[in-house]
Amino acid sequence: MTRFCFALDLHDDPVSIARYKRWHAPGQVPAPIVRSLREADIRTMEIWQAHDRLFMIMEVGEGFSPDAKAAADAASEDVQAWERLMWEFQKPLPQAAPGEKWVALTRIFDLGEQS
């Protein structure tokens, strides 16, 4: 499997952050969203939080294509509605390119590569 890691900020508001977390609690993400992730061959996805910063860790199978996922998301009314809702809570990182939400992280250390 291949791992992708991303970062994104939330608006620094405790009430908003709590609402965002509730939307991501077990059973709260709408079924069409979960289905779209699984259909794209996303095997695991976790979102970790440090105050108003989020980190997404995603492991994908061989069938995953970022371009195909983006196209499917753009064509899905359910995914677009979810993205609009989530954008109420999210904000881009200061260094994000225009229109970029989740910024890809670069691995700088791997214990397995150390002697």
C-alpha atoms as a PDB file:
ATOM      1  CA  MET A   1       0.000   0.000   0.000  1.00  0.00           C
ATOM      2  CA  THR A   2       0.995   3.596  -0.527  1.00  0.00           C
ATOM      3  CA  ARG A   3       0.696   6.200   2.229  1.00  0.00           C
ATOM      4  CA  PHE A   4      -0.228   9.839   1.706  1.00  0.00           C
ATOM      5  CA  CYS A   5      -0.108  12.464   4.469  1.00  0.00           C
ATOM      6  CA  PHE A   6      -1.690  15.904   4.347  1.00  0.00           C
ATOM      7  CA  ALA A   7      -2.186  18.944   6.587  1.00  0.00           C
ATOM      8  CA  LEU A   8      -4.975  21.513   6.836  1.00  0.00           C
ATOM      9  CA  ASP A   9      -6.040  24.116   9.390  1.00  0.00           C
ATOM     10  CA  LEU A  10      -9.365  24.686  11.088  1.00  0.00           C
ATOM     11  CA  HIS A  11     -10.729  28.073  12.053  1.00  0.00           C
ATOM     12  CA  ASP A  12      -9.373  28.749  15.540  1.00  0.00           C
ATOM     13  CA  ASP A  13     -12.735  28.676  17.294  1.00  0.00           C
ATOM     14  CA  PRO A  14     -13.463  26.048  19.982  1.00  0.00           C
ATOM     15  CA  VAL A  15     -17.164  25.775  19.074  1.00  0.00           C
ATOM     16  CA  SER A  16     -16.388  25.322  15.375  1.00  0.00           C
ATOM     17  CA  ILE A  17     -13.656  22.781  16.118  1.00  0.00           C
ATOM     18  CA  ALA A  18     -16.037  20.800  18.336  1.00  0.00           C
ATOM     19  CA  ARG A  19     -18.645  20.740  15.548  1.00  0.00           C
ATOM     20  CA  TYR A  20     -16.028  19.571  13.040  1.00  0.00           C
ATOM     21  CA  LYS A  21     -15.000  16.757  15.372  1.00  0.00           C
ATOM     22  CA  ARG A  22     -18.645  15.703  15.851  1.00  0.00           C
ATOM     23  CA  TRP A  23     -19.049  15.434  12.071  1.00  0.00           C
ATOM     24  CA  HIS A  24     -16.100  13.012  12.059  1.00  0.00           C
ATOM     25  CA  ALA A  25     -17.207  10.852  14.995  1.00  0.00           C
ATOM     26  CA  PRO A  26     -17.953   7.167  14.258  1.00  0.00           C
ATOM     27  CA  GLY A  27     -21.168   6.870  12.269  1.00  0.00           C
ATOM     28  CA  GLN A  28     -21.460  10.603  11.551  1.00  0.00           C
ATOM     29  CA  VAL A  29     -19.741  10.865   8.166  1.00  0.00           C
ATOM     30  CA  PRO A  30     -22.503  10.393   5.570  1.00  0.00           C
ATOM     31  CA  ALA A  31     -22.580   6.973   3.908  1.00  0.00           C
ATOM     32  CA  PRO A  32     -22.065   8.357   0.365  1.00  0.00           C
ATOM     33  CA  ILE A  33     -18.811   9.979   1.534  1.00  0.00           C
ATOM     34  CA  VAL A  34     -17.509   6.790   3.117  1.00  0.00           C
ATOM     35  CA  ARG A  35     -18.551   4.852   0.006  1.00  0.00           C
ATOM     36  CA  SER A  36     -16.704   7.303  -2.285  1.00  0.00           C
ATOM     37  CA  LEU A  37     -13.516   6.806  -0.277  1.00  0.00           C
ATOM     38  CA  ARG A  38     -13.740   3.024  -0.356  1.00  0.00           C
ATOM     39  CA  GLU A  39     -14.654   2.934  -4.050  1.00  0.00           C
ATOM     40  CA  ALA A  40     -11.455   4.904  -4.773  1.00  0.00           C
ATOM     41  CA  ASP A  41      -9.413   2.103  -3.108  1.00  0.00           C
ATOM     42  CA  ILE A  42      -8.615   4.189  -0.052  1.00  0.00           C
ATOM     43  CA  ARG A  43      -7.964   1.422   2.461  1.00  0.00           C
ATOM     44  CA  THR A  44      -7.402   3.478   5.614  1.00  0.00           C
ATOM     45  CA  MET A  45      -7.837   7.136   6.460  1.00  0.00           C
ATOM     46  CA  GLU A  46      -7.221   8.830   9.776  1.00  0.00           C
ATOM     47  CA  ILE A  47      -7.376  12.498  10.704  1.00  0.00           C
ATOM     48  CA  TRP A  48      -5.290  13.632  13.659  1.00  0.00           C
ATOM     49  CA  GLN A  49      -5.647  16.987  15.403  1.00  0.00           C
ATOM     50  CA  ALA A  50      -3.282  19.376  17.186  1.00  0.00           C
ATOM     51  CA  HIS A  51      -5.434  22.338  18.255  1.00  0.00           C
ATOM     52  CA  ASP A  52      -6.472  23.947  14.929  1.00  0.00           C
ATOM     53  CA  ARG A  53      -4.142  21.903  12.707  1.00  0.00           C
ATOM     54  CA  LEU A  54      -5.232  18.615  11.131  1.00  0.00           C
ATOM     55  CA  PHE A  55      -3.125  15.807   9.703  1.00  0.00           C
ATOM     56  CA  MET A  56      -4.653  13.208   7.400  1.00  0.00           C
ATOM     57  CA  ILE A  57      -2.958   9.836   6.946  1.00  0.00           C
ATOM     58  CA  MET A  58      -4.296   7.820   4.052  1.00  0.00           C
ATOM     59  CA  GLU A  59      -3.226   4.386   2.827  1.00  0.00           C
ATOM     60  CA  VAL A  60      -4.357   3.389  -0.626  1.00  0.00           C
ATOM     61  CA  GLY A  61      -4.342   0.268  -2.751  1.00  0.00           C
ATOM     62  CA  GLU A  62      -3.036  -0.185  -6.272  1.00  0.00           C
ATOM     63  CA  GLY A  63      -6.381   0.893  -7.737  1.00  0.00           C
ATOM     64  CA  PHE A  64      -6.146   4.402  -6.285  1.00  0.00           C
ATOM     65  CA  SER A  65      -5.703   7.290  -8.715  1.00  0.00           C
ATOM     66  CA  PRO A  66      -5.659  10.867  -7.351  1.00  0.00           C
ATOM     67  CA  ASP A  67      -6.882  12.169 -10.717  1.00  0.00           C
ATOM     68  CA  ALA A  68      -9.750   9.650 -10.892  1.00  0.00           C
ATOM     69  CA  LYS A  69     -10.735  10.433  -7.289  1.00  0.00           C
ATOM     70  CA  ALA A  70     -10.739  14.172  -8.010  1.00  0.00           C
ATOM     71  CA  ALA A  71     -12.899  13.645 -11.105  1.00  0.00           C
ATOM     72  CA  ALA A  72     -15.336  11.396  -9.234  1.00  0.00           C
ATOM     73  CA  ASP A  73     -15.558  13.922  -6.385  1.00  0.00           C
ATOM     74  CA  ALA A  74     -16.229  16.777  -8.798  1.00  0.00           C
ATOM     75  CA  ALA A  75     -19.074  14.771 -10.367  1.00  0.00           C
ATOM     76  CA  SER A  76     -20.659  13.758  -7.055  1.00  0.00           C
ATOM     77  CA  GLU A  77     -23.322  16.051  -5.595  1.00  0.00           C
ATOM     78  CA  ASP A  78     -22.912  14.282  -2.239  1.00  0.00           C
ATOM     79  CA  VAL A  79     -19.162  14.855  -2.107  1.00  0.00           C
ATOM     80  CA  GLN A  80     -19.534  18.463  -3.229  1.00  0.00           C
ATOM     81  CA  ALA A  81     -22.127  19.107  -0.494  1.00  0.00           C
ATOM     82  CA  TRP A  82     -19.796  17.509   2.080  1.00  0.00           C
ATOM     83  CA  GLU A  83     -16.872  19.623   0.866  1.00  0.00           C
ATOM     84  CA  ARG A  84     -18.926  22.818   1.146  1.00  0.00           C
ATOM     85  CA  LEU A  85     -19.979  21.871   4.673  1.00  0.00           C
ATOM     86  CA  MET A  86     -16.417  21.010   5.728  1.00  0.00           C
ATOM     87  CA  TRP A  87     -15.078  24.249   4.247  1.00  0.00           C
ATOM     88  CA  GLU A  88     -17.181  26.122   6.834  1.00  0.00           C
ATOM     89  CA  PHE A  89     -14.733  24.759   9.438  1.00  0.00           C
ATOM     90  CA  GLN A  90     -11.525  24.494   7.415  1.00  0.00           C
ATOM     91  CA  LYS A  91      -9.027  27.045   6.156  1.00  0.00           C
ATOM     92  CA  PRO A  92      -5.960  26.582   3.977  1.00  0.00           C
ATOM     93  CA  LEU A  93      -2.463  26.531   5.381  1.00  0.00           C
ATOM     94  CA  PRO A  94      -0.702  29.878   4.910  1.00  0.00           C
ATOM     95  CA  GLN A  95       1.626  28.351   2.291  1.00  0.00           C
ATOM     96  CA  ALA A  96      -1.147  26.566   0.352  1.00  0.00           C
ATOM     97  CA  ALA A  97      -1.492  27.312  -3.330  1.00  0.00           C
ATOM     98  CA  PRO A  98      -4.672  29.123  -4.423  1.00  0.00           C
ATOM     99  CA  GLY A  99      -7.575  26.643  -4.306  1.00  0.00           C
ATOM    100  CA  GLU A 100      -5.531  24.013  -2.417  1.00  0.00           C
ATOM    101  CA  LYS A 101      -7.111  22.521   0.691  1.00  0.00           C
ATOM    102  CA  TRP A 102      -5.174  19.582   2.074  1.00  0.00           C
ATOM    103  CA  VAL A 103      -1.441  20.201   1.562  1.00  0.00           C
ATOM    104  CA  ALA A 104       0.705  17.120   0.914  1.00  0.00           C
ATOM    105  CA  LEU A 105       3.373  16.467   3.528  1.00  0.00           C
ATOM    106  CA  THR A 106       6.902  15.396   2.702  1.00  0.00           C
ATOM    107  CA  ARG A 107       8.450  12.609   4.745  1.00  0.00           C
ATOM    108  CA  ILE A 108      11.803  13.700   6.169  1.00  0.00           C
ATOM    109  CA  PHE A 109      12.559  10.747   8.451  1.00  0.00           C
ATOM    110  CA  ASP A 110      12.015   6.996   8.371  1.00  0.00           C
ATOM    111  CA  LEU A 111      13.389   4.865  11.199  1.00  0.00           C
ATOM    112  CA  GLY A 112      13.562   1.917   8.813  1.00  0.00           C
ATOM    113  CA  GLU A 113      16.157   3.766   6.766  1.00  0.00           C
ATOM    114  CA  GLN A 114      18.437   4.316   9.751  1.00  0.00           C
ATOM    115  CA  SER A 115      21.291   1.996  10.593  1.00  0.00           C
END
